[in-house]
C-alpha atoms as a PDB file:
ATOM      1  CA  MET A   1      41.521-101.004-124.668  1.00  0.00           C
ATOM      2  CA  GLN A   2      44.277-103.634-124.048  1.00  0.00           C
ATOM      3  CA  TYR A   3      45.887-105.697-126.859  1.00  0.00           C
ATOM      4  CA  VAL A   4      46.676-109.336-126.229  1.00  0.00           C
ATOM      5  CA  GLY A   5      48.234-111.800-128.738  1.00  0.00           C
ATOM      6  CA  LEU A   6      47.306-115.726-128.971  1.00  0.00           C
ATOM      7  CA  ASP A   7      49.205-118.983-129.379  1.00  0.00           C
ATOM      8  CA  ALA A   8      47.397-121.192-129.989  1.00  0.00           C
ATOM      9  CA  SER A   9      47.972-125.004-130.190  1.00  0.00           C
ATOM     10  CA  LYS A  10      46.773-128.758-129.610  1.00  0.00           C
ATOM     11  CA  GLU A  11      46.805-128.719-125.893  1.00  0.00           C
ATOM     12  CA  SER A  12      46.393-124.708-125.001  1.00  0.00           C
ATOM     13  CA  VAL A  13      46.527-120.821-126.020  1.00  0.00           C
ATOM     14  CA  VAL A  14      49.242-118.713-124.809  1.00  0.00           C
ATOM     15  CA  ALA A  15      47.521-115.413-124.452  1.00  0.00           C
ATOM     16  CA  VAL A  16      49.655-112.295-123.532  1.00  0.00           C
ATOM     17  CA  PHE A  17      47.637-108.855-122.599  1.00  0.00           C
ATOM     18  CA  LYS A  18      49.695-105.255-123.325  1.00  0.00           C
ATOM     19  CA  ASP A  19      48.532-101.962-123.301  1.00  0.00           C
ATOM     20  CA  LYS A  20      48.596 -99.152-126.232  1.00  0.00           C
ATOM     21  CA  ASP A  21      52.119 -98.277-124.783  1.00  0.00           C
ATOM     22  CA  GLY A  22      53.074-101.761-125.069  1.00  0.00           C
ATOM     23  CA  LYS A  23      53.642-102.428-121.562  1.00  0.00           C
ATOM     24  CA  LYS A  24      52.461-106.030-120.631  1.00  0.00           C
ATOM     25  CA  LEU A  25      49.330-106.006-117.995  1.00  0.00           C
ATOM     26  CA  ASP A  26      49.331-109.737-117.786  1.00  0.00           C
ATOM     27  CA  GLU A  27      49.547-113.525-119.059  1.00  0.00           C
ATOM     28  CA  GLY A  28      47.988-116.566-119.201  1.00  0.00           C
ATOM     29  CA  THR A  29      47.230-120.359-120.374  1.00  0.00           C
ATOM     30  CA  TYR A  30      44.328-121.626-121.407  1.00  0.00           C
ATOM     31  CA  PRO A  31      43.676-125.280-122.191  1.00  0.00           C
ATOM     32  CA  CYS A  32      42.676-125.275-125.870  1.00  0.00           C
ATOM     33  CA  ASN A  33      38.913-126.810-125.297  1.00  0.00           C
ATOM     34  CA  GLN A  34      35.440-125.355-125.017  1.00  0.00           C
ATOM     35  CA  LYS A  35      35.817-124.559-121.399  1.00  0.00           C
ATOM     36  CA  GLY A  36      38.798-123.258-121.584  1.00  0.00           C
ATOM     37  CA  LEU A  37      37.555-121.018-124.349  1.00  0.00           C
ATOM     38  CA  GLU A  38      34.605-119.751-122.729  1.00  0.00           C
ATOM     39  CA  LYS A  39      37.312-118.850-119.914  1.00  0.00           C
ATOM     40  CA  LEU A  40      39.639-117.222-122.409  1.00  0.00           C
ATOM     41  CA  ALA A  41      36.495-115.427-123.965  1.00  0.00           C
ATOM     42  CA  SER A  42      35.645-114.008-120.570  1.00  0.00           C
ATOM     43  CA  ASP A  43      39.068-112.295-119.984  1.00  0.00           C
ATOM     44  CA  LEU A  44      39.087-110.489-123.599  1.00  0.00           C
ATOM     45  CA  LYS A  45      35.909-108.853-123.516  1.00  0.00           C
ATOM     46  CA  ASP A  46      37.033-104.778-123.838  1.00  0.00           C
ATOM     47  CA  CYS A  47      40.067-106.287-125.530  1.00  0.00           C
ATOM     48  CA  GLN A  48      41.423-107.125-129.093  1.00  0.00           C
ATOM     49  CA  ALA A  49      42.715-110.184-130.220  1.00  0.00           C
ATOM     50  CA  MET A  50      44.773-111.750-132.702  1.00  0.00           C
ATOM     51  CA  VAL A  51      45.854-115.131-133.341  1.00  0.00           C
ATOM     52  CA  GLU A  52      48.051-116.667-136.483  1.00  0.00           C
ATOM     53  CA  SER A  53      46.102-118.530-138.794  1.00  0.00           C
ATOM     54  CA  SER A  54      46.839-122.765-138.742  1.00  0.00           C
ATOM     55  CA  THR A  55      43.813-125.405-138.025  1.00  0.00           C
ATOM     56  CA  THR A  56      43.910-124.422-134.208  1.00  0.00           C
ATOM     57  CA  GLY A  57      44.317-120.764-134.655  1.00  0.00           C
ATOM     58  CA  GLN A  58      40.938-121.040-136.805  1.00  0.00           C
ATOM     59  CA  TYR A  59      38.948-123.360-134.431  1.00  0.00           C
ATOM     60  CA  VAL A  60      39.990-120.676-131.866  1.00  0.00           C
ATOM     61  CA  TYR A  61      38.904-117.612-133.931  1.00  0.00           C
ATOM     62  CA  ARG A  62      35.376-119.288-134.724  1.00  0.00           C
ATOM     63  CA  GLN A  63      34.920-119.842-131.065  1.00  0.00           C
ATOM     64  CA  LEU A  64      36.290-116.226-129.789  1.00  0.00           C
ATOM     65  CA  ASP A  65      34.001-115.041-132.918  1.00  0.00           C
ATOM     66  CA  LYS A  66      30.691-116.308-131.686  1.00  0.00           C
ATOM     67  CA  ALA A  67      31.096-115.207-128.586  1.00  0.00           C
ATOM     68  CA  GLY A  68      31.628-111.923-129.633  1.00  0.00           C
ATOM     69  CA  ILE A  69      35.402-110.721-129.198  1.00  0.00           C
ATOM     70  CA  LYS A  70      36.846-108.150-131.354  1.00  0.00           C
ATOM     71  CA  ILE A  71      39.226-111.184-133.291  1.00  0.00           C
ATOM     72  CA  LYS A  72      42.021-110.989-136.349  1.00  0.00           C
ATOM     73  CA  MET A  73      43.315-113.796-137.849  1.00  0.00           C
ATOM     74  CA  ALA A  74      47.299-112.804-138.241  1.00  0.00           C
ATOM     75  CA  ASN A  75      49.211-114.134-142.216  1.00  0.00           C
ATOM     76  CA  PRO A  76      51.796-116.502-140.909  1.00  0.00           C
ATOM     77  CA  SER A  77      53.231-116.058-144.152  1.00  0.00           C
ATOM     78  CA  ARG A  78      54.406-112.532-143.315  1.00  0.00           C
ATOM     79  CA  ILE A  79      55.342-112.660-139.488  1.00  0.00           C
ATOM     80  CA  GLY A  80      59.135-112.312-139.968  1.00  0.00           C
ATOM     81  CA  LEU A  81      59.566-110.819-136.594  1.00  0.00           C
ATOM     82  CA  ILE A  82      57.951-114.428-135.225  1.00  0.00           C
ATOM     83  CA  THR A  83      59.362-116.975-137.962  1.00  0.00           C
ATOM     84  CA  LYS A  84      63.072-115.209-137.487  1.00  0.00           C
ATOM     85  CA  SER A  85      62.984-114.748-133.919  1.00  0.00           C
ATOM     86  CA  GLU A  86      65.599-116.980-132.512  1.00  0.00           C
ATOM     87  CA  LYS A  87      63.229-117.177-129.021  1.00  0.00           C
ATOM     88  CA  LYS A  88      60.833-119.179-130.130  1.00  0.00           C
ATOM     89  CA  THR A  89      58.143-120.089-127.565  1.00  0.00           C
ATOM     90  CA  ASP A  90      54.727-119.510-127.380  1.00  0.00           C
ATOM     91  CA  ARG A  91      55.128-116.692-124.850  1.00  0.00           C
ATOM     92  CA  ASN A  92      57.406-114.415-127.072  1.00  0.00           C
ATOM     93  CA  ASP A  93      55.135-115.852-129.905  1.00  0.00           C
ATOM     94  CA  ALA A  94      52.417-114.256-128.456  1.00  0.00           C
ATOM     95  CA  ASP A  95      53.929-111.372-127.085  1.00  0.00           C
ATOM     96  CA  VAL A  96      55.136-110.454-130.780  1.00  0.00           C
ATOM     97  CA  LEU A  97      51.421-110.903-131.693  1.00  0.00           C
ATOM     98  CA  ALA A  98      50.516-108.602-129.442  1.00  0.00           C
ATOM     99  CA  ASP A  99      53.061-105.712-130.169  1.00  0.00           C
ATOM    100  CA  LEU A 100      52.067-105.887-134.532  1.00  0.00           C
ATOM    101  CA  LEU A 101      48.447-105.769-133.238  1.00  0.00           C
ATOM    102  CA  ARG A 102      49.035-102.536-130.983  1.00  0.00           C
ATOM    103  CA  THR A 103      50.966-101.326-133.485  1.00  0.00           C
ATOM    104  CA  ASN A 104      48.338-102.066-136.557  1.00  0.00           C
ATOM    105  CA  LEU A 105      51.569-103.805-137.993  1.00  0.00           C
ATOM    106  CA  LEU A 106      50.078-107.331-138.341  1.00  0.00           C
ATOM    107  CA  PRO A 107      49.086-108.230-141.583  1.00  0.00           C
ATOM    108  CA  THR A 108      46.177-110.067-141.163  1.00  0.00           C
ATOM    109  CA  CYS A 109      44.198-113.047-143.755  1.00  0.00           C
ATOM    110  CA  TYR A 110      40.739-112.997-144.757  1.00  0.00           C
ATOM    111  CA  VAL A 111      37.978-115.130-142.386  1.00  0.00           C
ATOM    112  CA  PRO A 112      35.478-116.065-144.990  1.00  0.00           C
ATOM    113  CA  PRO A 113      31.650-116.880-143.160  1.00  0.00           C
ATOM    114  CA  GLN A 114      30.700-120.140-142.178  1.00  0.00           C
ATOM    115  CA  LYS A 115      28.581-120.612-145.403  1.00  0.00           C
ATOM    116  CA  ILE A 116      31.649-120.391-147.605  1.00  0.00           C
ATOM    117  CA  MET A 117      33.681-122.019-145.177  1.00  0.00           C
ATOM    118  CA  GLU A 118      31.975-125.284-145.694  1.00  0.00           C
ATOM    119  CA  ARG A 119      31.877-124.853-149.507  1.00  0.00           C
ATOM    120  CA  ARG A 120      35.781-124.424-149.142  1.00  0.00           C
ATOM    121  CA  GLU A 121      35.624-128.003-146.911  1.00  0.00           C
ATOM    122  CA  LEU A 122      33.362-129.389-149.988  1.00  0.00           C
ATOM    123  CA  THR A 123      35.397-128.696-153.031  1.00  0.00           C
ATOM    124  CA  ARG A 124      39.115-129.507-151.239  1.00  0.00           C
ATOM    125  CA  GLN A 125      37.665-132.830-149.593  1.00  0.00           C
ATOM    126  CA  ARG A 126      36.566-133.746-153.190  1.00  0.00           C
ATOM    127  CA  ASP A 127      40.148-132.504-154.367  1.00  0.00           C
ATOM    128  CA  GLY A 128      41.766-134.486-152.354  1.00  0.00           C
ATOM    129  CA  LEU A 129      39.826-137.610-153.094  1.00  0.00           C
ATOM    130  CA  VAL A 130      40.307-136.647-156.823  1.00  0.00           C
ATOM    131  CA  GLN A 131      44.153-136.828-155.891  1.00  0.00           C
ATOM    132  CA  GLN A 132      44.562-140.049-154.315  1.00  0.00           C
ATOM    133  CA  THR A 133      42.156-141.551-156.583  1.00  0.00           C
ATOM    134  CA  THR A 134      44.608-140.569-159.412  1.00  0.00           C
ATOM    135  CA  ARG A 135      47.455-141.669-157.243  1.00  0.00           C
ATOM    136  CA  LEU A 136      45.873-145.183-156.831  1.00  0.00           C
ATOM    137  CA  LYS A 137      44.912-145.620-160.886  1.00  0.00           C
ATOM    138  CA  ASN A 138      49.059-144.211-161.124  1.00  0.00           C
ATOM    139  CA  GLN A 139      49.989-147.415-158.705  1.00  0.00           C
ATOM    140  CA  MET A 140      47.893-149.814-161.301  1.00  0.00           C
ATOM    141  CA  HIS A 141      49.753-148.794-164.269  1.00  0.00           C
ATOM    142  CA  ALA A 142      52.577-148.718-162.674  1.00  0.00           C
ATOM    143  CA  LEU A 143      52.265-152.241-161.902  1.00  0.00           C
ATOM    144  CA  LEU A 144      51.214-153.577-165.231  1.00  0.00           C
ATOM    145  CA  THR A 145      54.343-151.763-166.947  1.00  0.00           C
ATOM    146  CA  SER A 146      56.475-153.509-164.076  1.00  0.00           C
ATOM    147  CA  GLU A 147      54.776-156.644-165.807  1.00  0.00           C
ATOM    148  CA  GLY A 148      55.447-155.597-169.347  1.00  0.00           C
ATOM    149  CA  ILE A 149      51.770-154.310-170.091  1.00  0.00           C
ATOM    150  CA  SER A 150      50.396-151.959-171.411  1.00  0.00           C
ATOM    151  CA  CYS A 151      46.534-150.510-170.469  1.00  0.00           C
ATOM    152  CA  PRO A 152      45.067-149.593-174.171  1.00  0.00           C
ATOM    153  CA  TYR A 153      42.378-147.514-172.696  1.00  0.00           C
ATOM    154  CA  ALA A 154      42.639-143.858-171.499  1.00  0.00           C
ATOM    155  CA  ASP A 155      40.630-144.336-169.064  1.00  0.00           C
ATOM    156  CA  ILE A 156      41.771-147.453-166.737  1.00  0.00           C
ATOM    157  CA  PHE A 157      38.393-147.869-164.961  1.00  0.00           C
ATOM    158  CA  GLY A 158      36.091-147.235-167.682  1.00  0.00           C
ATOM    159  CA  LYS A 159      33.943-150.213-168.162  1.00  0.00           C
ATOM    160  CA  THR A 160      35.536-152.009-170.963  1.00  0.00           C
ATOM    161  CA  SER A 161      38.997-151.544-169.364  1.00  0.00           C
ATOM    162  CA  LYS A 162      37.702-153.052-165.854  1.00  0.00           C
ATOM    163  CA  GLU A 163      37.224-156.257-167.690  1.00  0.00           C
ATOM    164  CA  TRP A 164      40.610-156.003-169.379  1.00  0.00           C
ATOM    165  CA  LEU A 165      41.771-155.978-166.173  1.00  0.00           C
ATOM    166  CA  ASP A 166      40.137-159.187-164.557  1.00  0.00           C
ATOM    167  CA  GLY A 167      42.471-161.037-167.507  1.00  0.00           C
ATOM    168  CA  CYS A 168      45.556-159.111-168.201  1.00  0.00           C
ATOM    169  CA  GLY A 169      47.554-162.162-167.014  1.00  0.00           C
ATOM    170  CA  LEU A 170      49.140-160.663-163.452  1.00  0.00           C
ATOM    171  CA  SER A 171      50.689-163.971-161.549  1.00  0.00           C
ATOM    172  CA  PRO A 172      48.253-164.329-158.564  1.00  0.00           C
ATOM    173  CA  THR A 173      50.238-161.924-156.139  1.00  0.00           C
ATOM    174  CA  ARG A 174      50.020-158.915-158.527  1.00  0.00           C
ATOM    175  CA  LYS A 175      46.787-159.564-159.827  1.00  0.00           C
ATOM    176  CA  GLY A 176      45.379-159.803-155.606  1.00  0.00           C
ATOM    177  CA  TYR A 177      47.283-156.091-155.286  1.00  0.00           C
ATOM    178  CA  LEU A 178      46.172-154.849-158.475  1.00  0.00           C
ATOM    179  CA  LEU A 179      42.399-155.763-157.563  1.00  0.00           C
ATOM    180  CA  GLN A 180      43.346-154.386-153.705  1.00  0.00           C
ATOM    181  CA  LEU A 181      44.431-150.870-155.990  1.00  0.00           C
ATOM    182  CA  LYS A 182      41.243-150.778-158.296  1.00  0.00           C
ATOM    183  CA  LYS A 183      38.713-151.314-155.253  1.00  0.00           C
ATOM    184  CA  LEU A 184      40.006-148.505-152.970  1.00  0.00           C
ATOM    185  CA  ALA A 185      40.117-146.516-155.890  1.00  0.00           C
ATOM    186  CA  GLY A 186      36.414-147.406-156.570  1.00  0.00           C
ATOM    187  CA  ALA A 187      35.228-146.607-153.790  1.00  0.00           C
ATOM    188  CA  PHE A 188      37.223-143.302-153.197  1.00  0.00           C
ATOM    189  CA  GLU A 189      35.224-142.890-156.785  1.00  0.00           C
ATOM    190  CA  ASP A 190      31.652-143.547-155.096  1.00  0.00           C
ATOM    191  CA  GLU A 191      32.884-141.000-152.275  1.00  0.00           C
ATOM    192  CA  ILE A 192      33.899-138.707-155.076  1.00  0.00           C
ATOM    193  CA  SER A 193      30.196-138.754-156.827  1.00  0.00           C
ATOM    194  CA  ILE A 194      28.667-138.110-153.045  1.00  0.00           C
ATOM    195  CA  LEU A 195      30.734-135.023-152.811  1.00  0.00           C
ATOM    196  CA  GLU A 196      29.925-133.656-156.609  1.00  0.00           C
ATOM    197  CA  LYS A 197      26.007-134.091-156.126  1.00  0.00           C
ATOM    198  CA  THR A 198      25.733-132.284-152.690  1.00  0.00           C
ATOM    199  CA  ILE A 199      28.441-129.676-154.976  1.00  0.00           C
ATOM    200  CA  LEU A 200      26.053-129.403-158.192  1.00  0.00           C
ATOM    201  CA  GLU A 201      23.485-128.553-155.715  1.00  0.00           C
ATOM    202  CA  GLN A 202      24.287-125.823-154.090  1.00  0.00           C
ATOM    203  CA  ALA A 203      25.902-124.796-157.395  1.00  0.00           C
ATOM    204  CA  CYS A 204      22.107-124.080-158.253  1.00  0.00           C
ATOM    205  CA  GLU A 205      21.628-121.974-155.022  1.00  0.00           C
ATOM    206  CA  SER A 206      24.423-119.213-156.562  1.00  0.00           C
ATOM    207  CA  ASP A 207      23.632-116.678-158.523  1.00  0.00           C
ATOM    208  CA  GLU A 208      27.731-115.647-158.749  1.00  0.00           C
ATOM    209  CA  MET A 209      28.243-119.501-159.624  1.00  0.00           C
ATOM    210  CA  THR A 210      25.272-118.973-162.265  1.00  0.00           C
ATOM    211  CA  LEU A 211      27.397-116.177-163.770  1.00  0.00           C
ATOM    212  CA  LEU A 212      30.454-117.735-163.840  1.00  0.00           C
ATOM    213  CA  ASP A 213      28.807-121.485-165.069  1.00  0.00           C
ATOM    214  CA  THR A 214      28.936-118.945-168.262  1.00  0.00           C
ATOM    215  CA  MET A 215      32.432-118.392-168.988  1.00  0.00           C
ATOM    216  CA  PRO A 216      33.925-120.707-171.574  1.00  0.00           C
ATOM    217  CA  GLY A 217      36.175-123.629-169.689  1.00  0.00           C
ATOM    218  CA  VAL A 218      34.176-123.734-166.318  1.00  0.00           C
ATOM    219  CA  ALA A 219      31.425-126.091-165.346  1.00  0.00           C
ATOM    220  CA  PRO A 220      29.662-126.009-162.418  1.00  0.00           C
ATOM    221  CA  LEU A 221      31.992-127.356-159.973  1.00  0.00           C
ATOM    222  CA  SER A 222      34.809-125.085-161.651  1.00  0.00           C
ATOM    223  CA  ALA A 223      32.160-122.466-160.191  1.00  0.00           C
ATOM    224  CA  LEU A 224      31.463-123.524-156.942  1.00  0.00           C
ATOM    225  CA  THR A 225      35.124-124.151-156.422  1.00  0.00           C
ATOM    226  CA  ILE A 226      36.236-120.633-157.739  1.00  0.00           C
ATOM    227  CA  MET A 227      33.100-118.709-155.663  1.00  0.00           C
ATOM    228  CA  ALA A 228      34.655-120.749-152.903  1.00  0.00           C
ATOM    229  CA  GLU A 229      37.987-119.617-152.808  1.00  0.00           C
ATOM    230  CA  ILE A 230      37.268-115.738-153.190  1.00  0.00           C
ATOM    231  CA  GLY A 231      34.714-115.591-151.469  1.00  0.00           C
ATOM    232  CA  ASP A 232      33.624-111.838-151.377  1.00  0.00           C
ATOM    233  CA  ILE A 233      34.278-110.566-154.897  1.00  0.00           C
ATOM    234  CA  LYS A 234      34.137-106.353-152.874  1.00  0.00           C
ATOM    235  CA  ARG A 235      37.763-107.149-151.257  1.00  0.00           C
ATOM    236  CA  PHE A 236      39.425-107.381-154.253  1.00  0.00           C
ATOM    237  CA  LYS A 237      39.038-103.551-155.659  1.00  0.00           C
ATOM    238  CA  THR A 238      40.989-104.578-158.682  1.00  0.00           C
ATOM    239  CA  PRO A 239      40.735-107.520-161.549  1.00  0.00           C
ATOM    240  CA  GLU A 240      45.228-107.414-160.627  1.00  0.00           C
ATOM    241  CA  GLN A 241      44.689-107.668-156.601  1.00  0.00           C
ATOM    242  CA  LEU A 242      42.345-111.158-157.648  1.00  0.00           C
ATOM    243  CA  CYS A 243      44.737-111.815-159.972  1.00  0.00           C
ATOM    244  CA  SER A 244      47.784-111.612-157.303  1.00  0.00           C
ATOM    245  CA  TYR A 245      45.266-113.536-154.948  1.00  0.00           C
ATOM    246  CA  ALA A 246      45.363-116.396-157.004  1.00  0.00           C
ATOM    247  CA  GLY A 247      49.521-116.278-157.896  1.00  0.00           C
ATOM    248  CA  LEU A 248      48.789-115.508-161.208  1.00  0.00           C
ATOM    249  CA  VAL A 249      50.977-112.487-160.949  1.00  0.00           C
ATOM    250  CA  PRO A 250      54.439-112.817-162.152  1.00  0.00           C
ATOM    251  CA  ILE A 251      56.914-111.489-159.247  1.00  0.00           C
ATOM    252  CA  VAL A 252      58.615-108.109-160.074  1.00  0.00           C
ATOM    253  CA  ARG A 253      62.099-106.759-158.614  1.00  0.00           C
ATOM    254  CA  GLN A 254      63.564-103.658-159.854  1.00  0.00           C
ATOM    255  CA  SER A 255      66.514-101.674-158.408  1.00  0.00           C
ATOM    256  CA  GLY A 256      67.867 -98.798-160.425  1.00  0.00           C
ATOM    257  CA  SER A 257      68.537-100.034-164.123  1.00  0.00           C
ATOM    258  CA  VAL A 258      67.580-103.666-163.414  1.00  0.00           C
ATOM    259  CA  ASP A 259      64.223-105.051-163.903  1.00  0.00           C
ATOM    260  CA  TYR A 260      63.715-108.947-162.764  1.00  0.00           C
ATOM    261  CA  LYS A 261      60.531-110.503-164.007  1.00  0.00           C
ATOM    262  CA  GLY A 262      60.514-113.946-162.402  1.00  0.00           C
ATOM    263  CA  SER A 263      57.835-117.185-161.919  1.00  0.00           C
ATOM    264  CA  VAL A 264      54.307-116.125-160.770  1.00  0.00           C
ATOM    265  CA  LYS A 265      54.003-115.593-157.077  1.00  0.00           C
ATOM    266  CA  SER A 266      52.775-117.922-154.508  1.00  0.00           C
ATOM    267  CA  GLY A 267      48.963-117.591-153.985  1.00  0.00           C
ATOM    268  CA  ASN A 268      45.791-119.704-153.504  1.00  0.00           C
ATOM    269  CA  LYS A 269      46.694-122.920-154.625  1.00  0.00           C
ATOM    270  CA  ALA A 270      43.160-123.936-154.579  1.00  0.00           C
ATOM    271  CA  LEU A 271      41.487-121.332-156.821  1.00  0.00           C
ATOM    272  CA  LYS A 272      45.014-121.465-159.004  1.00  0.00           C
ATOM    273  CA  ALA A 273      44.556-125.182-159.637  1.00  0.00           C
ATOM    274  CA  ILE A 274      41.539-124.769-161.018  1.00  0.00           C
ATOM    275  CA  LEU A 275      41.876-122.029-162.956  1.00  0.00           C
ATOM    276  CA  ILE A 276      44.583-123.874-165.098  1.00  0.00           C
ATOM    277  CA  LYS A 277      42.047-126.593-165.396  1.00  0.00           C
ATOM    278  CA  ASP A 278      39.724-124.524-166.946  1.00  0.00           C
ATOM    279  CA  ALA A 279      42.100-122.348-168.986  1.00  0.00           C
ATOM    280  CA  HIS A 280      43.303-125.565-170.856  1.00  0.00           C
ATOM    281  CA  SER A 281      39.223-126.521-171.301  1.00  0.00           C
ATOM    282  CA  ALA A 282      38.540-123.061-172.575  1.00  0.00           C
ATOM    283  CA  ALA A 283      41.801-123.042-174.636  1.00  0.00           C
ATOM    284  CA  ARG A 284      40.585-125.869-176.660  1.00  0.00           C
ATOM    285  CA  TRP A 285      37.036-125.210-177.225  1.00  0.00           C
ATOM    286  CA  ASN A 286      36.804-121.113-177.458  1.00  0.00           C
ATOM    287  CA  PRO A 287      38.040-120.194-180.710  1.00  0.00           C
ATOM    288  CA  ARG A 288      39.189-116.562-179.277  1.00  0.00           C
ATOM    289  CA  PHE A 289      41.306-118.213-176.330  1.00  0.00           C
ATOM    290  CA  ARG A 290      42.614-121.229-178.357  1.00  0.00           C
ATOM    291  CA  ARG A 291      44.228-118.138-180.976  1.00  0.00           C
ATOM    292  CA  PHE A 292      45.481-115.869-177.640  1.00  0.00           C
ATOM    293  CA  CYS A 293      47.012-119.464-176.030  1.00  0.00           C
ATOM    294  CA  ARG A 294      48.646-120.162-179.681  1.00  0.00           C
ATOM    295  CA  ARG A 295      50.106-116.663-179.884  1.00  0.00           C
ATOM    296  CA  LEU A 296      51.591-116.963-176.690  1.00  0.00           C
ATOM    297  CA  GLU A 297      52.853-120.232-176.736  1.00  0.00           C
ATOM    298  CA  LYS A 298      55.147-119.521-179.768  1.00  0.00           C
ATOM    299  CA  LYS A 299      56.958-117.186-178.060  1.00  0.00           C
ATOM    300  CA  LYS A 300      56.580-118.317-173.788  1.00  0.00           C
ATOM    301  CA  GLY A 301      55.978-122.186-174.329  1.00  0.00           C
ATOM    302  CA  LYS A 302      52.964-123.764-173.474  1.00  0.00           C
ATOM    303  CA  SER A 303      53.302-123.574-169.978  1.00  0.00           C
ATOM    304  CA  LYS A 304      53.182-120.015-169.338  1.00  0.00           C
ATOM    305  CA  ALA A 305      50.119-119.834-172.201  1.00  0.00           C
ATOM    306  CA  ILE A 306      47.947-121.179-169.903  1.00  0.00           C
ATOM    307  CA  THR A 307      48.868-119.458-167.067  1.00  0.00           C
ATOM    308  CA  ALA A 308      48.218-116.300-169.109  1.00  0.00           C
ATOM    309  CA  VAL A 309      44.549-117.638-170.427  1.00  0.00           C
ATOM    310  CA  ALA A 310      43.719-118.260-166.680  1.00  0.00           C
ATOM    311  CA  HIS A 311      44.787-114.974-165.723  1.00  0.00           C
ATOM    312  CA  LYS A 312      42.731-113.303-168.904  1.00  0.00           C
ATOM    313  CA  MET A 313      39.607-115.618-167.740  1.00  0.00           C
ATOM    314  CA  LEU A 314      40.322-114.784-163.708  1.00  0.00           C
ATOM    315  CA  ARG A 315      40.032-110.705-165.002  1.00  0.00           C
ATOM    316  CA  ILE A 316      36.801-111.076-167.326  1.00  0.00           C
ATOM    317  CA  MET A 317      35.551-112.997-163.904  1.00  0.00           C
ATOM    318  CA  TRP A 318      35.714-109.864-161.895  1.00  0.00           C
ATOM    319  CA  PHE A 319      34.257-107.908-164.374  1.00  0.00           C
ATOM    320  CA  MET A 320      31.521-110.091-165.020  1.00  0.00           C
ATOM    321  CA  LEU A 321      31.120-110.556-161.129  1.00  0.00           C
ATOM    322  CA  GLN A 322      31.524-106.316-159.643  1.00  0.00           C
ATOM    323  CA  ARG A 323      28.812-106.063-163.009  1.00  0.00           C
ATOM    324  CA  GLY A 324      26.631-109.163-162.095  1.00  0.00           C
ATOM    325  CA  LYS A 325      26.659-109.535-165.925  1.00  0.00           C
ATOM    326  CA  PRO A 326      27.220-113.121-167.486  1.00  0.00           C
ATOM    327  CA  PHE A 327      30.176-113.791-169.785  1.00  0.00           C
ATOM    328  CA  ASP A 328      29.723-111.673-173.001  1.00  0.00           C
ATOM    329  CA  GLU A 329      32.242-112.713-176.163  1.00  0.00           C
ATOM    330  CA  SER A 330      33.276-109.111-176.606  1.00  0.00           C
ATOM    331  CA  ILE A 331      34.803-109.055-173.756  1.00  0.00           C
ATOM    332  CA  LEU A 332      37.504-110.873-175.174  1.00  0.00           C
ATOM    333  CA  CYS A 333      38.164-107.876-177.025  1.00  0.00           C
ATOM    334  CA  HIS A 334      38.401-105.263-174.856  1.00  0.00           C
ATOM    335  CA  LYS A 335      42.197-104.342-173.655  1.00  0.00           C
ATOM    336  CA  ARG A 336      41.472-104.175-170.074  1.00  0.00           C
ATOM    337  CA  ALA A 337      39.939-107.734-170.228  1.00  0.00           C
ATOM    338  CA  GLY A 338      43.135-109.080-171.567  1.00  0.00           C
END
């Protein structure tokens, strides 16, 4: 068995081949295109390969995986040997990947199936458009504020507020800029509507998302986003593993008698963001989540209380998905779910 480390960039893929004892057998550079990857796949037969996760790395992974190559994805945030190396070159990176692969010390990434990946792309694309729309609306508010004008409507894009914007008394230049922002934000909202229609169609086709839709605070759009980010629930052996993946578990450092608990650790940002959003909704509308949130809010503040609600919700989701059962209000009283 040969072990191959791959360093992928937009232009090329550097491959370093090693045997089980770490002896370098060969190395090569392949164009990062279809023809180059076909040649690489041919050279990788009967080899085990590893590529670092990146935009290009994911493309290389998919192409080689389709070709039947045994390939894994490396977690870049945990490869200290590469990131801290004084000698940072494509060849050196590939060399280190090959060594970590053959010694089975390389932290890998979960690579979701193509269908799940496409769902992620849909939900993340929608999230990106929503963020762009929010920025444009904030710019509109800032423009009005700079003229001493305050929009009396909660939604600056509501039907009544749109009519108000047309006669808000700005100078011709600033009114032109305002209308430009309004037009751009409107175009984004149209695209968001199209995406949401596609997302909702897919949400209705999934049993898992139907289950999550029974959870207080979780809407169909949220359910699809959560499942797209989780992927296969079976890969999480405990609810705490899932919460850690979502970045909802505090950092704990212990040394002797010193016990430090810090802010929540980094994790899947998209999953954490949608859970925090749903936690606000659950704490507002569900009586038990609301009481739980208010009790913690008095001790730890609003932000930490909402994070705790999100943590509680995700633990319950783990049990729901593992057992294939919808939300049960009595679970909130169960000690393992709290």
